[in-house]
Amino acid sequence: MLKFTFPTRDRLDNMTREERLNMFRQYFATSRYNRLCIQQCLVRSAFDDSLYRKIEEFETQHNKDFSLTLDLLSKYNYKDEFLFAVKEEYEALQKIIEAYDIRFKMREY
């Protein structure tokens, strides 16, 4: 899994709002990549039972990282900007889910 490291508060303070939003978008891209890696590991666990514990560890760490990110950005007073990026990410994920819904409904008999 990839690790996303946020810059220091001073560096964040010296960025423009758009630069911070782009960084938050990169954070979510990293998060999506990691979720795909977790899914891949889950699929592989069909061949290797020992991977199941690793999947749980990955999921726990992924969720913990999100919580820590939210806490950090709240502490740095960038929660509102982060929530703007959260809304963007939510909407993008919703569109992906809707596209899958359409594909699955087309296959129904």
PDB file of N, CA and C in Angstrom:
ATOM      1  N   MET A   1       0.839  -1.183   0.000  1.00  0.00           N
ATOM      2  CA  MET A   1       0.000   0.000   0.000  1.00  0.00           C
ATOM      3  C   MET A   1       0.880   1.241   0.000  1.00  0.00           C
ATOM      4  N   LEU A   2       0.341   2.283  -0.603  1.00  0.00           N
ATOM      5  CA  LEU A   2       1.062   3.549  -0.661  1.00  0.00           C
ATOM      6  C   LEU A   2       0.796   4.366   0.593  1.00  0.00           C
ATOM      7  N   LYS A   3       1.779   5.135   0.993  1.00  0.00           N
ATOM      8  CA  LYS A   3       1.643   6.022   2.138  1.00  0.00           C
ATOM      9  C   LYS A   3       1.618   7.456   1.622  1.00  0.00           C
ATOM     10  N   PHE A   4       0.581   8.197   1.980  1.00  0.00           N
ATOM     11  CA  PHE A   4       0.494   9.600   1.604  1.00  0.00           C
ATOM     12  C   PHE A   4       0.934  10.426   2.798  1.00  0.00           C
ATOM     13  N   THR A   5       1.917  11.299   2.590  1.00  0.00           N
ATOM     14  CA  THR A   5       2.423  12.138   3.669  1.00  0.00           C
ATOM     15  C   THR A   5       2.071  13.589   3.386  1.00  0.00           C
ATOM     16  N   PHE A   6       1.362  14.183   4.316  1.00  0.00           N
ATOM     17  CA  PHE A   6       1.004  15.589   4.171  1.00  0.00           C
ATOM     18  C   PHE A   6       2.198  16.460   4.519  1.00  0.00           C
ATOM     19  N   PRO A   7       2.302  17.617   3.858  1.00  0.00           N
ATOM     20  CA  PRO A   7       3.398  18.535   4.185  1.00  0.00           C
ATOM     21  C   PRO A   7       3.189  19.148   5.572  1.00  0.00           C
ATOM     22  N   THR A   8       4.193  19.830   6.022  1.00  0.00           N
ATOM     23  CA  THR A   8       4.113  20.504   7.316  1.00  0.00           C
ATOM     24  C   THR A   8       3.046  21.597   7.265  1.00  0.00           C
ATOM     25  N   ARG A   9       2.664  22.048   8.433  1.00  0.00           N
ATOM     26  CA  ARG A   9       1.661  23.116   8.482  1.00  0.00           C
ATOM     27  C   ARG A   9       2.172  24.373   7.783  1.00  0.00           C
ATOM     28  N   ASP A  10       3.434  24.705   7.992  1.00  0.00           N
ATOM     29  CA  ASP A  10       3.999  25.889   7.324  1.00  0.00           C
ATOM     30  C   ASP A  10       3.886  25.773   5.811  1.00  0.00           C
ATOM     31  N   ARG A  11       4.186  24.597   5.305  1.00  0.00           N
ATOM     32  CA  ARG A  11       4.088  24.382   3.847  1.00  0.00           C
ATOM     33  C   ARG A  11       2.639  24.501   3.387  1.00  0.00           C
ATOM     34  N   LEU A  12       1.719  23.914   4.154  1.00  0.00           N
ATOM     35  CA  LEU A  12       0.302  24.035   3.821  1.00  0.00           C
ATOM     36  C   LEU A  12      -0.137  25.498   3.840  1.00  0.00           C
ATOM     37  N   ASP A  13       0.323  26.233   4.831  1.00  0.00           N
ATOM     38  CA  ASP A  13      -0.039  27.644   4.953  1.00  0.00           C
ATOM     39  C   ASP A  13       0.450  28.464   3.761  1.00  0.00           C
ATOM     40  N   ASN A  14       1.559  28.054   3.172  1.00  0.00           N
ATOM     41  CA  ASN A  14       2.135  28.790   2.049  1.00  0.00           C
ATOM     42  C   ASN A  14       1.567  28.364   0.691  1.00  0.00           C
ATOM     43  N   MET A  15       0.715  27.363   0.708  1.00  0.00           N
ATOM     44  CA  MET A  15       0.075  26.925  -0.541  1.00  0.00           C
ATOM     45  C   MET A  15      -1.183  27.753  -0.786  1.00  0.00           C
ATOM     46  N   THR A  16      -1.555  27.824  -2.059  1.00  0.00           N
ATOM     47  CA  THR A  16      -2.847  28.439  -2.377  1.00  0.00           C
ATOM     48  C   THR A  16      -3.939  27.414  -2.084  1.00  0.00           C
ATOM     49  N   ARG A  17      -5.152  27.900  -2.030  1.00  0.00           N
ATOM     50  CA  ARG A  17      -6.286  26.991  -1.789  1.00  0.00           C
ATOM     51  C   ARG A  17      -6.342  25.920  -2.875  1.00  0.00           C
ATOM     52  N   GLU A  18      -6.142  26.309  -4.123  1.00  0.00           N
ATOM     53  CA  GLU A  18      -6.183  25.348  -5.223  1.00  0.00           C
ATOM     54  C   GLU A  18      -5.065  24.309  -5.101  1.00  0.00           C
ATOM     55  N   GLU A  19      -3.886  24.724  -4.671  1.00  0.00           N
ATOM     56  CA  GLU A  19      -2.791  23.769  -4.469  1.00  0.00           C
ATOM     57  C   GLU A  19      -3.150  22.759  -3.377  1.00  0.00           C
ATOM     58  N   ARG A  20      -3.766  23.253  -2.303  1.00  0.00           N
ATOM     59  CA  ARG A  20      -4.184  22.339  -1.241  1.00  0.00           C
ATOM     60  C   ARG A  20      -5.265  21.385  -1.741  1.00  0.00           C
ATOM     61  N   LEU A  21      -6.228  21.894  -2.503  1.00  0.00           N
ATOM     62  CA  LEU A  21      -7.271  21.023  -3.045  1.00  0.00           C
ATOM     63  C   LEU A  21      -6.673  19.950  -3.952  1.00  0.00           C
ATOM     64  N   ASN A  22      -5.711  20.326  -4.764  1.00  0.00           N
ATOM     65  CA  ASN A  22      -5.039  19.344  -5.618  1.00  0.00           C
ATOM     66  C   ASN A  22      -4.321  18.290  -4.781  1.00  0.00           C
ATOM     67  N   MET A  23      -3.730  18.718  -3.687  1.00  0.00           N
ATOM     68  CA  MET A  23      -3.054  17.776  -2.794  1.00  0.00           C
ATOM     69  C   MET A  23      -4.083  16.830  -2.165  1.00  0.00           C
ATOM     70  N   PHE A  24      -5.230  17.360  -1.759  1.00  0.00           N
ATOM     71  CA  PHE A  24      -6.283  16.518  -1.194  1.00  0.00           C
ATOM     72  C   PHE A  24      -6.779  15.520  -2.245  1.00  0.00           C
ATOM     73  N   ARG A  25      -6.870  15.955  -3.484  1.00  0.00           N
ATOM     74  CA  ARG A  25      -7.267  15.052  -4.576  1.00  0.00           C
ATOM     75  C   ARG A  25      -6.231  13.935  -4.743  1.00  0.00           C
ATOM     76  N   GLN A  26      -4.962  14.280  -4.605  1.00  0.00           N
ATOM     77  CA  GLN A  26      -3.911  13.264  -4.671  1.00  0.00           C
ATOM     78  C   GLN A  26      -4.044  12.282  -3.509  1.00  0.00           C
ATOM     79  N   TYR A  27      -4.396  12.811  -2.344  1.00  0.00           N
ATOM     80  CA  TYR A  27      -4.620  11.949  -1.183  1.00  0.00           C
ATOM     81  C   TYR A  27      -5.724  10.927  -1.503  1.00  0.00           C
ATOM     82  N   PHE A  28      -6.839  11.394  -2.075  1.00  0.00           N
ATOM     83  CA  PHE A  28      -7.938  10.484  -2.387  1.00  0.00           C
ATOM     84  C   PHE A  28      -7.563   9.506  -3.490  1.00  0.00           C
ATOM     85  N   ALA A  29      -6.758   9.925  -4.442  1.00  0.00           N
ATOM     86  CA  ALA A  29      -6.285   8.995  -5.479  1.00  0.00           C
ATOM     87  C   ALA A  29      -5.442   7.891  -4.841  1.00  0.00           C
ATOM     88  N   THR A  30      -4.609   8.261  -3.898  1.00  0.00           N
ATOM     89  CA  THR A  30      -3.808   7.278  -3.167  1.00  0.00           C
ATOM     90  C   THR A  30      -4.712   6.342  -2.381  1.00  0.00           C
ATOM     91  N   SER A  31      -5.730   6.895  -1.757  1.00  0.00           N
ATOM     92  CA  SER A  31      -6.676   6.089  -0.991  1.00  0.00           C
ATOM     93  C   SER A  31      -7.400   5.080  -1.884  1.00  0.00           C
ATOM     94  N   ARG A  32      -7.843   5.522  -3.065  1.00  0.00           N
ATOM     95  CA  ARG A  32      -8.516   4.612  -3.996  1.00  0.00           C
ATOM     96  C   ARG A  32      -7.571   3.497  -4.452  1.00  0.00           C
ATOM     97  N   TYR A  33      -6.338   3.856  -4.729  1.00  0.00           N
ATOM     98  CA  TYR A  33      -5.336   2.862  -5.114  1.00  0.00           C
ATOM     99  C   TYR A  33      -5.182   1.815  -4.010  1.00  0.00           C
ATOM    100  N   ASN A  34      -5.074   2.292  -2.774  1.00  0.00           N
ATOM    101  CA  ASN A  34      -4.914   1.370  -1.649  1.00  0.00           C
ATOM    102  C   ASN A  34      -6.137   0.469  -1.481  1.00  0.00           C
ATOM    103  N   ARG A  35      -7.339   1.012  -1.706  1.00  0.00           N
ATOM    104  CA  ARG A  35      -8.548   0.193  -1.614  1.00  0.00           C
ATOM    105  C   ARG A  35      -8.520  -0.903  -2.686  1.00  0.00           C
ATOM    106  N   LEU A  36      -8.023  -0.567  -3.870  1.00  0.00           N
ATOM    107  CA  LEU A  36      -7.909  -1.584  -4.926  1.00  0.00           C
ATOM    108  C   LEU A  36      -6.899  -2.662  -4.541  1.00  0.00           C
ATOM    109  N   CYS A  37      -5.825  -2.267  -3.907  1.00  0.00           N
ATOM    110  CA  CYS A  37      -4.830  -3.245  -3.444  1.00  0.00           C
ATOM    111  C   CYS A  37      -5.438  -4.165  -2.383  1.00  0.00           C
ATOM    112  N   ILE A  38      -6.247  -3.593  -1.497  1.00  0.00           N
ATOM    113  CA  ILE A  38      -6.931  -4.404  -0.484  1.00  0.00           C
ATOM    114  C   ILE A  38      -7.870  -5.394  -1.170  1.00  0.00           C
ATOM    115  N   GLN A  39      -8.624  -4.911  -2.159  1.00  0.00           N
ATOM    116  CA  GLN A  39      -9.540  -5.792  -2.895  1.00  0.00           C
ATOM    117  C   GLN A  39      -8.770  -6.897  -3.605  1.00  0.00           C
ATOM    118  N   GLN A  40      -7.644  -6.550  -4.206  1.00  0.00           N
ATOM    119  CA  GLN A  40      -6.824  -7.548  -4.891  1.00  0.00           C
ATOM    120  C   GLN A  40      -6.333  -8.603  -3.904  1.00  0.00           C
ATOM    121  N   CYS A  41      -5.923  -8.167  -2.744  1.00  0.00           N
ATOM    122  CA  CYS A  41      -5.460  -9.100  -1.708  1.00  0.00           C
ATOM    123  C   CYS A  41      -6.610 -10.005  -1.260  1.00  0.00           C
ATOM    124  N   LEU A  42      -7.810  -9.432  -1.140  1.00  0.00           N
ATOM    125  CA  LEU A  42      -8.978 -10.226  -0.773  1.00  0.00           C
ATOM    126  C   LEU A  42      -9.232 -11.318  -1.805  1.00  0.00           C
ATOM    127  N   VAL A  43      -9.158 -10.970  -3.067  1.00  0.00           N
ATOM    128  CA  VAL A  43      -9.372 -11.944  -4.134  1.00  0.00           C
ATOM    129  C   VAL A  43      -8.292 -13.028  -4.085  1.00  0.00           C
ATOM    130  N   ARG A  44      -7.071 -12.615  -3.869  1.00  0.00           N
ATOM    131  CA  ARG A  44      -5.969 -13.591  -3.787  1.00  0.00           C
ATOM    132  C   ARG A  44      -6.116 -14.526  -2.598  1.00  0.00           C
ATOM    133  N   SER A  45      -6.824 -14.073  -1.560  1.00  0.00           N
ATOM    134  CA  SER A  45      -6.980 -14.908  -0.367  1.00  0.00           C
ATOM    135  C   SER A  45      -7.760 -16.190  -0.668  1.00  0.00           C
ATOM    136  N   ALA A  46      -8.441 -16.235  -1.801  1.00  0.00           N
ATOM    137  CA  ALA A  46      -9.109 -17.470  -2.200  1.00  0.00           C
ATOM    138  C   ALA A  46      -8.089 -18.589  -2.422  1.00  0.00           C
ATOM    139  N   PHE A  47      -6.871 -18.203  -2.770  1.00  0.00           N
ATOM    140  CA  PHE A  47      -5.795 -19.172  -2.976  1.00  0.00           C
ATOM    141  C   PHE A  47      -4.886 -19.319  -1.759  1.00  0.00           C
ATOM    142  N   ASP A  48      -4.924 -18.316  -0.880  1.00  0.00           N
ATOM    143  CA  ASP A  48      -3.992 -18.303   0.243  1.00  0.00           C
ATOM    144  C   ASP A  48      -4.700 -17.776   1.495  1.00  0.00           C
ATOM    145  N   ASP A  49      -5.126 -18.690   2.354  1.00  0.00           N
ATOM    146  CA  ASP A  49      -5.858 -18.317   3.566  1.00  0.00           C
ATOM    147  C   ASP A  49      -5.071 -17.386   4.490  1.00  0.00           C
ATOM    148  N   SER A  50      -3.759 -17.448   4.405  1.00  0.00           N
ATOM    149  CA  SER A  50      -2.946 -16.635   5.311  1.00  0.00           C
ATOM    150  C   SER A  50      -3.076 -15.134   5.022  1.00  0.00           C
ATOM    151  N   LEU A  51      -3.607 -14.771   3.872  1.00  0.00           N
ATOM    152  CA  LEU A  51      -3.740 -13.356   3.512  1.00  0.00           C
ATOM    153  C   LEU A  51      -4.876 -12.661   4.253  1.00  0.00           C
ATOM    154  N   TYR A  52      -5.811 -13.431   4.795  1.00  0.00           N
ATOM    155  CA  TYR A  52      -6.982 -12.818   5.417  1.00  0.00           C
ATOM    156  C   TYR A  52      -6.597 -11.880   6.556  1.00  0.00           C
ATOM    157  N   ARG A  53      -5.645 -12.284   7.381  1.00  0.00           N
ATOM    158  CA  ARG A  53      -5.202 -11.423   8.484  1.00  0.00           C
ATOM    159  C   ARG A  53      -4.558 -10.146   7.938  1.00  0.00           C
ATOM    160  N   LYS A  54      -3.831 -10.266   6.846  1.00  0.00           N
ATOM    161  CA  LYS A  54      -3.199  -9.104   6.218  1.00  0.00           C
ATOM    162  C   LYS A  54      -4.264  -8.131   5.710  1.00  0.00           C
ATOM    163  N   ILE A  55      -5.332  -8.665   5.141  1.00  0.00           N
ATOM    164  CA  ILE A  55      -6.430  -7.826   4.653  1.00  0.00           C
ATOM    165  C   ILE A  55      -7.013  -7.021   5.804  1.00  0.00           C
ATOM    166  N   GLU A  56      -7.257  -7.673   6.922  1.00  0.00           N
ATOM    167  CA  GLU A  56      -7.791  -6.974   8.095  1.00  0.00           C
ATOM    168  C   GLU A  56      -6.848  -5.873   8.552  1.00  0.00           C
ATOM    169  N   GLU A  57      -5.553  -6.157   8.540  1.00  0.00           N
ATOM    170  CA  GLU A  57      -4.557  -5.147   8.927  1.00  0.00           C
ATOM    171  C   GLU A  57      -4.576  -3.964   7.960  1.00  0.00           C
ATOM    172  N   PHE A  58      -4.626  -4.257   6.666  1.00  0.00           N
ATOM    173  CA  PHE A  58      -4.676  -3.194   5.658  1.00  0.00           C
ATOM    174  C   PHE A  58      -5.923  -2.323   5.832  1.00  0.00           C
ATOM    175  N   GLU A  59      -7.063  -2.970   6.024  1.00  0.00           N
ATOM    176  CA  GLU A  59      -8.309  -2.220   6.184  1.00  0.00           C
ATOM    177  C   GLU A  59      -8.268  -1.349   7.437  1.00  0.00           C
ATOM    178  N   THR A  60      -7.784  -1.911   8.524  1.00  0.00           N
ATOM    179  CA  THR A  60      -7.683  -1.155   9.777  1.00  0.00           C
ATOM    180  C   THR A  60      -6.760   0.037   9.606  1.00  0.00           C
ATOM    181  N   GLN A  61      -5.612  -0.179   8.982  1.00  0.00           N
ATOM    182  CA  GLN A  61      -4.659   0.910   8.777  1.00  0.00           C
ATOM    183  C   GLN A  61      -5.230   1.975   7.844  1.00  0.00           C
ATOM    184  N   HIS A  62      -5.901   1.549   6.792  1.00  0.00           N
ATOM    185  CA  HIS A  62      -6.493   2.487   5.842  1.00  0.00           C
ATOM    186  C   HIS A  62      -7.513   3.381   6.544  1.00  0.00           C
ATOM    187  N   ASN A  63      -8.379   2.783   7.341  1.00  0.00           N
ATOM    188  CA  ASN A  63      -9.386   3.558   8.081  1.00  0.00           C
ATOM    189  C   ASN A  63      -8.745   4.472   9.113  1.00  0.00           C
ATOM    190  N   LYS A  64      -7.722   3.975   9.779  1.00  0.00           N
ATOM    191  CA  LYS A  64      -7.014   4.782  10.774  1.00  0.00           C
ATOM    192  C   LYS A  64      -6.334   5.982  10.110  1.00  0.00           C
ATOM    193  N   ASP A  65      -5.727   5.765   8.956  1.00  0.00           N
ATOM    194  CA  ASP A  65      -5.079   6.850   8.223  1.00  0.00           C
ATOM    195  C   ASP A  65      -6.076   7.955   7.872  1.00  0.00           C
ATOM    196  N   PHE A  66      -7.282   7.550   7.463  1.00  0.00           N
ATOM    197  CA  PHE A  66      -8.296   8.548   7.136  1.00  0.00           C
ATOM    198  C   PHE A  66      -8.657   9.366   8.373  1.00  0.00           C
ATOM    199  N   SER A  67      -8.850   8.695   9.469  1.00  0.00           N
ATOM    200  CA  SER A  67      -9.192   9.376  10.717  1.00  0.00           C
ATOM    201  C   SER A  67      -8.080  10.329  11.153  1.00  0.00           C
ATOM    202  N   LEU A  68      -6.847   9.882  11.053  1.00  0.00           N
ATOM    203  CA  LEU A  68      -5.704  10.729  11.418  1.00  0.00           C
ATOM    204  C   LEU A  68      -5.594  11.936  10.484  1.00  0.00           C
ATOM    205  N   THR A  69      -5.881  11.719   9.212  1.00  0.00           N
ATOM    206  CA  THR A  69      -5.849  12.814   8.240  1.00  0.00           C
ATOM    207  C   THR A  69      -6.886  13.866   8.599  1.00  0.00           C
ATOM    208  N   LEU A  70      -8.074  13.419   8.897  1.00  0.00           N
ATOM    209  CA  LEU A  70      -9.139  14.345   9.282  1.00  0.00           C
ATOM    210  C   LEU A  70      -8.759  15.115  10.552  1.00  0.00           C
ATOM    211  N   ASP A  71      -8.205  14.423  11.519  1.00  0.00           N
ATOM    212  CA  ASP A  71      -7.766  15.087  12.758  1.00  0.00           C
ATOM    213  C   ASP A  71      -6.665  16.104  12.489  1.00  0.00           C
ATOM    214  N   LEU A  72      -5.684  15.718  11.671  1.00  0.00           N
ATOM    215  CA  LEU A  72      -4.561  16.609  11.360  1.00  0.00           C
ATOM    216  C   LEU A  72      -5.049  17.870  10.664  1.00  0.00           C
ATOM    217  N   LEU A  73      -5.893  17.709   9.653  1.00  0.00           N
ATOM    218  CA  LEU A  73      -6.352  18.867   8.897  1.00  0.00           C
ATOM    219  C   LEU A  73      -7.294  19.738   9.724  1.00  0.00           C
ATOM    220  N   SER A  74      -8.007  19.152  10.651  1.00  0.00           N
ATOM    221  CA  SER A  74      -8.823  19.936  11.582  1.00  0.00           C
ATOM    222  C   SER A  74      -7.917  20.762  12.489  1.00  0.00           C
ATOM    223  N   LYS A  75      -6.888  20.125  12.985  1.00  0.00           N
ATOM    224  CA  LYS A  75      -5.921  20.807  13.861  1.00  0.00           C
ATOM    225  C   LYS A  75      -5.250  21.973  13.131  1.00  0.00           C
ATOM    226  N   TYR A  76      -4.972  21.774  11.847  1.00  0.00           N
ATOM    227  CA  TYR A  76      -4.319  22.813  11.046  1.00  0.00           C
ATOM    228  C   TYR A  76      -5.299  23.837  10.480  1.00  0.00           C
ATOM    229  N   ASN A  77      -6.575  23.696  10.802  1.00  0.00           N
ATOM    230  CA  ASN A  77      -7.634  24.601  10.337  1.00  0.00           C
ATOM    231  C   ASN A  77      -7.877  24.525   8.826  1.00  0.00           C
ATOM    232  N   TYR A  78      -7.719  23.335   8.267  1.00  0.00           N
ATOM    233  CA  TYR A  78      -8.002  23.117   6.856  1.00  0.00           C
ATOM    234  C   TYR A  78      -9.127  22.112   6.657  1.00  0.00           C
ATOM    235  N   LYS A  79      -9.892  21.878   7.697  1.00  0.00           N
ATOM    236  CA  LYS A  79     -10.978  20.897   7.604  1.00  0.00           C
ATOM    237  C   LYS A  79     -12.013  21.302   6.556  1.00  0.00           C
ATOM    238  N   ASP A  80     -12.371  22.581   6.507  1.00  0.00           N
ATOM    239  CA  ASP A  80     -13.382  23.016   5.531  1.00  0.00           C
ATOM    240  C   ASP A  80     -12.925  22.771   4.099  1.00  0.00           C
ATOM    241  N   GLU A  81     -11.663  23.053   3.815  1.00  0.00           N
ATOM    242  CA  GLU A  81     -11.139  22.799   2.471  1.00  0.00           C
ATOM    243  C   GLU A  81     -11.104  21.304   2.188  1.00  0.00           C
ATOM    244  N   PHE A  82     -10.725  20.536   3.189  1.00  0.00           N
ATOM    245  CA  PHE A  82     -10.688  19.087   3.027  1.00  0.00           C
ATOM    246  C   PHE A  82     -12.102  18.554   2.783  1.00  0.00           C
ATOM    247  N   LEU A  83     -13.079  19.095   3.511  1.00  0.00           N
ATOM    248  CA  LEU A  83     -14.465  18.656   3.322  1.00  0.00           C
ATOM    249  C   LEU A  83     -14.974  18.988   1.916  1.00  0.00           C
ATOM    250  N   PHE A  84     -14.480  20.067   1.333  1.00  0.00           N
ATOM    251  CA  PHE A  84     -14.814  20.377  -0.060  1.00  0.00           C
ATOM    252  C   PHE A  84     -14.298  19.254  -0.964  1.00  0.00           C
ATOM    253  N   ALA A  85     -13.053  18.824  -0.716  1.00  0.00           N
ATOM    254  CA  ALA A  85     -12.475  17.727  -1.495  1.00  0.00           C
ATOM    255  C   ALA A  85     -13.206  16.413  -1.199  1.00  0.00           C
ATOM    256  N   VAL A  86     -13.638  16.230   0.040  1.00  0.00           N
ATOM    257  CA  VAL A  86     -14.421  15.042   0.399  1.00  0.00           C
ATOM    258  C   VAL A  86     -15.704  15.004  -0.426  1.00  0.00           C
ATOM    259  N   LYS A  87     -16.359  16.141  -0.538  1.00  0.00           N
ATOM    260  CA  LYS A  87     -17.602  16.206  -1.322  1.00  0.00           C
ATOM    261  C   LYS A  87     -17.324  15.850  -2.781  1.00  0.00           C
ATOM    262  N   GLU A  88     -16.252  16.385  -3.341  1.00  0.00           N
ATOM    263  CA  GLU A  88     -15.869  16.038  -4.716  1.00  0.00           C
ATOM    264  C   GLU A  88     -15.648  14.531  -4.863  1.00  0.00           C
ATOM    265  N   GLU A  89     -14.916  13.970  -3.911  1.00  0.00           N
ATOM    266  CA  GLU A  89     -14.605  12.538  -3.958  1.00  0.00           C
ATOM    267  C   GLU A  89     -15.884  11.714  -3.833  1.00  0.00           C
ATOM    268  N   TYR A  90     -16.754  12.127  -2.936  1.00  0.00           N
ATOM    269  CA  TYR A  90     -18.026  11.427  -2.757  1.00  0.00           C
ATOM    270  C   TYR A  90     -18.826  11.422  -4.058  1.00  0.00           C
ATOM    271  N   GLU A  91     -18.900  12.569  -4.698  1.00  0.00           N
ATOM    272  CA  GLU A  91     -19.646  12.681  -5.957  1.00  0.00           C
ATOM    273  C   GLU A  91     -19.011  11.834  -7.057  1.00  0.00           C
ATOM    274  N   ALA A  92     -17.688  11.812  -7.112  1.00  0.00           N
ATOM    275  CA  ALA A  92     -17.005  10.984  -8.114  1.00  0.00           C
ATOM    276  C   ALA A  92     -17.286   9.502  -7.866  1.00  0.00           C
ATOM    277  N   LEU A  93     -17.226   9.091  -6.612  1.00  0.00           N
ATOM    278  CA  LEU A  93     -17.526   7.703  -6.276  1.00  0.00           C
ATOM    279  C   LEU A  93     -18.979   7.367  -6.588  1.00  0.00           C
ATOM    280  N   GLN A  94     -19.869   8.315  -6.336  1.00  0.00           N
ATOM    281  CA  GLN A  94     -21.286   8.099  -6.633  1.00  0.00           C
ATOM    282  C   GLN A  94     -21.495   7.859  -8.126  1.00  0.00           C
ATOM    283  N   LYS A  95     -20.795   8.613  -8.959  1.00  0.00           N
ATOM    284  CA  LYS A  95     -20.905   8.418 -10.411  1.00  0.00           C
ATOM    285  C   LYS A  95     -20.395   7.038 -10.829  1.00  0.00           C
ATOM    286  N   ILE A  96     -19.324   6.593 -10.220  1.00  0.00           N
ATOM    287  CA  ILE A  96     -18.793   5.257 -10.523  1.00  0.00           C
ATOM    288  C   ILE A  96     -19.801   4.195 -10.118  1.00  0.00           C
ATOM    289  N   ILE A  97     -20.383   4.339  -8.928  1.00  0.00           N
ATOM    290  CA  ILE A  97     -21.382   3.382  -8.449  1.00  0.00           C
ATOM    291  C   ILE A  97     -22.597   3.376  -9.374  1.00  0.00           C
ATOM    292  N   GLU A  98     -23.040   4.552  -9.783  1.00  0.00           N
ATOM    293  CA  GLU A  98     -24.197   4.638 -10.692  1.00  0.00           C
ATOM    294  C   GLU A  98     -23.897   3.964 -12.025  1.00  0.00           C
ATOM    295  N   ALA A  99     -22.685   4.122 -12.521  1.00  0.00           N
ATOM    296  CA  ALA A  99     -22.310   3.459 -13.776  1.00  0.00           C
ATOM    297  C   ALA A  99     -22.358   1.943 -13.610  1.00  0.00           C
ATOM    298  N   TYR A 100     -21.888   1.441 -12.477  1.00  0.00           N
ATOM    299  CA  TYR A 100     -21.981   0.006 -12.213  1.00  0.00           C
ATOM    300  C   TYR A 100     -23.433  -0.424 -12.085  1.00  0.00           C
ATOM    301  N   ASP A 101     -24.248   0.386 -11.394  1.00  0.00           N
ATOM    302  CA  ASP A 101     -25.671   0.059 -11.260  1.00  0.00           C
ATOM    303  C   ASP A 101     -26.318  -0.109 -12.624  1.00  0.00           C
ATOM    304  N   ILE A 102     -26.020   0.795 -13.533  1.00  0.00           N
ATOM    305  CA  ILE A 102     -26.589   0.721 -14.886  1.00  0.00           C
ATOM    306  C   ILE A 102     -26.133  -0.552 -15.587  1.00  0.00           C
ATOM    307  N   ARG A 103     -24.854  -0.864 -15.482  1.00  0.00           N
ATOM    308  CA  ARG A 103     -24.331  -2.070 -16.124  1.00  0.00           C
ATOM    309  C   ARG A 103     -24.982  -3.320 -15.556  1.00  0.00           C
ATOM    310  N   PHE A 104     -25.150  -3.354 -14.228  1.00  0.00           N
ATOM    311  CA  PHE A 104     -25.748  -4.537 -13.608  1.00  0.00           C
ATOM    312  C   PHE A 104     -27.225  -4.660 -13.975  1.00  0.00           C
ATOM    313  N   LYS A 105     -27.928  -3.546 -14.059  1.00  0.00           N
ATOM    314  CA  LYS A 105     -29.347  -3.585 -14.412  1.00  0.00           C
ATOM    315  C   LYS A 105     -29.533  -4.033 -15.855  1.00  0.00           C
ATOM    316  N   MET A 106     -28.588  -3.703 -16.721  1.00  0.00           N
ATOM    317  CA  MET A 106     -28.683  -4.098 -18.125  1.00  0.00           C
ATOM    318  C   MET A 106     -28.533  -5.615 -18.261  1.00  0.00           C
ATOM    319  N   ARG A 107     -27.852  -6.249 -17.314  1.00  0.00           N
ATOM    320  CA  ARG A 107     -27.641  -7.689 -17.367  1.00  0.00           C
ATOM    321  C   ARG A 107     -28.799  -8.477 -16.761  1.00  0.00           C
ATOM    322  N   GLU A 108     -29.681  -7.801 -16.059  1.00  0.00           N
ATOM    323  CA  GLU A 108     -30.806  -8.501 -15.434  1.00  0.00           C
ATOM    324  C   GLU A 108     -31.750  -9.019 -16.502  1.00  0.00           C
ATOM    325  N   TYR A 109     -32.334 -10.141 -16.230  1.00  0.00           N
ATOM    326  CA  TYR A 109     -33.242 -10.773 -17.186  1.00  0.00           C
ATOM    327  C   TYR A 109     -34.662 -10.596 -16.758  1.00  0.00           C
TER     328      TYR A 109
END
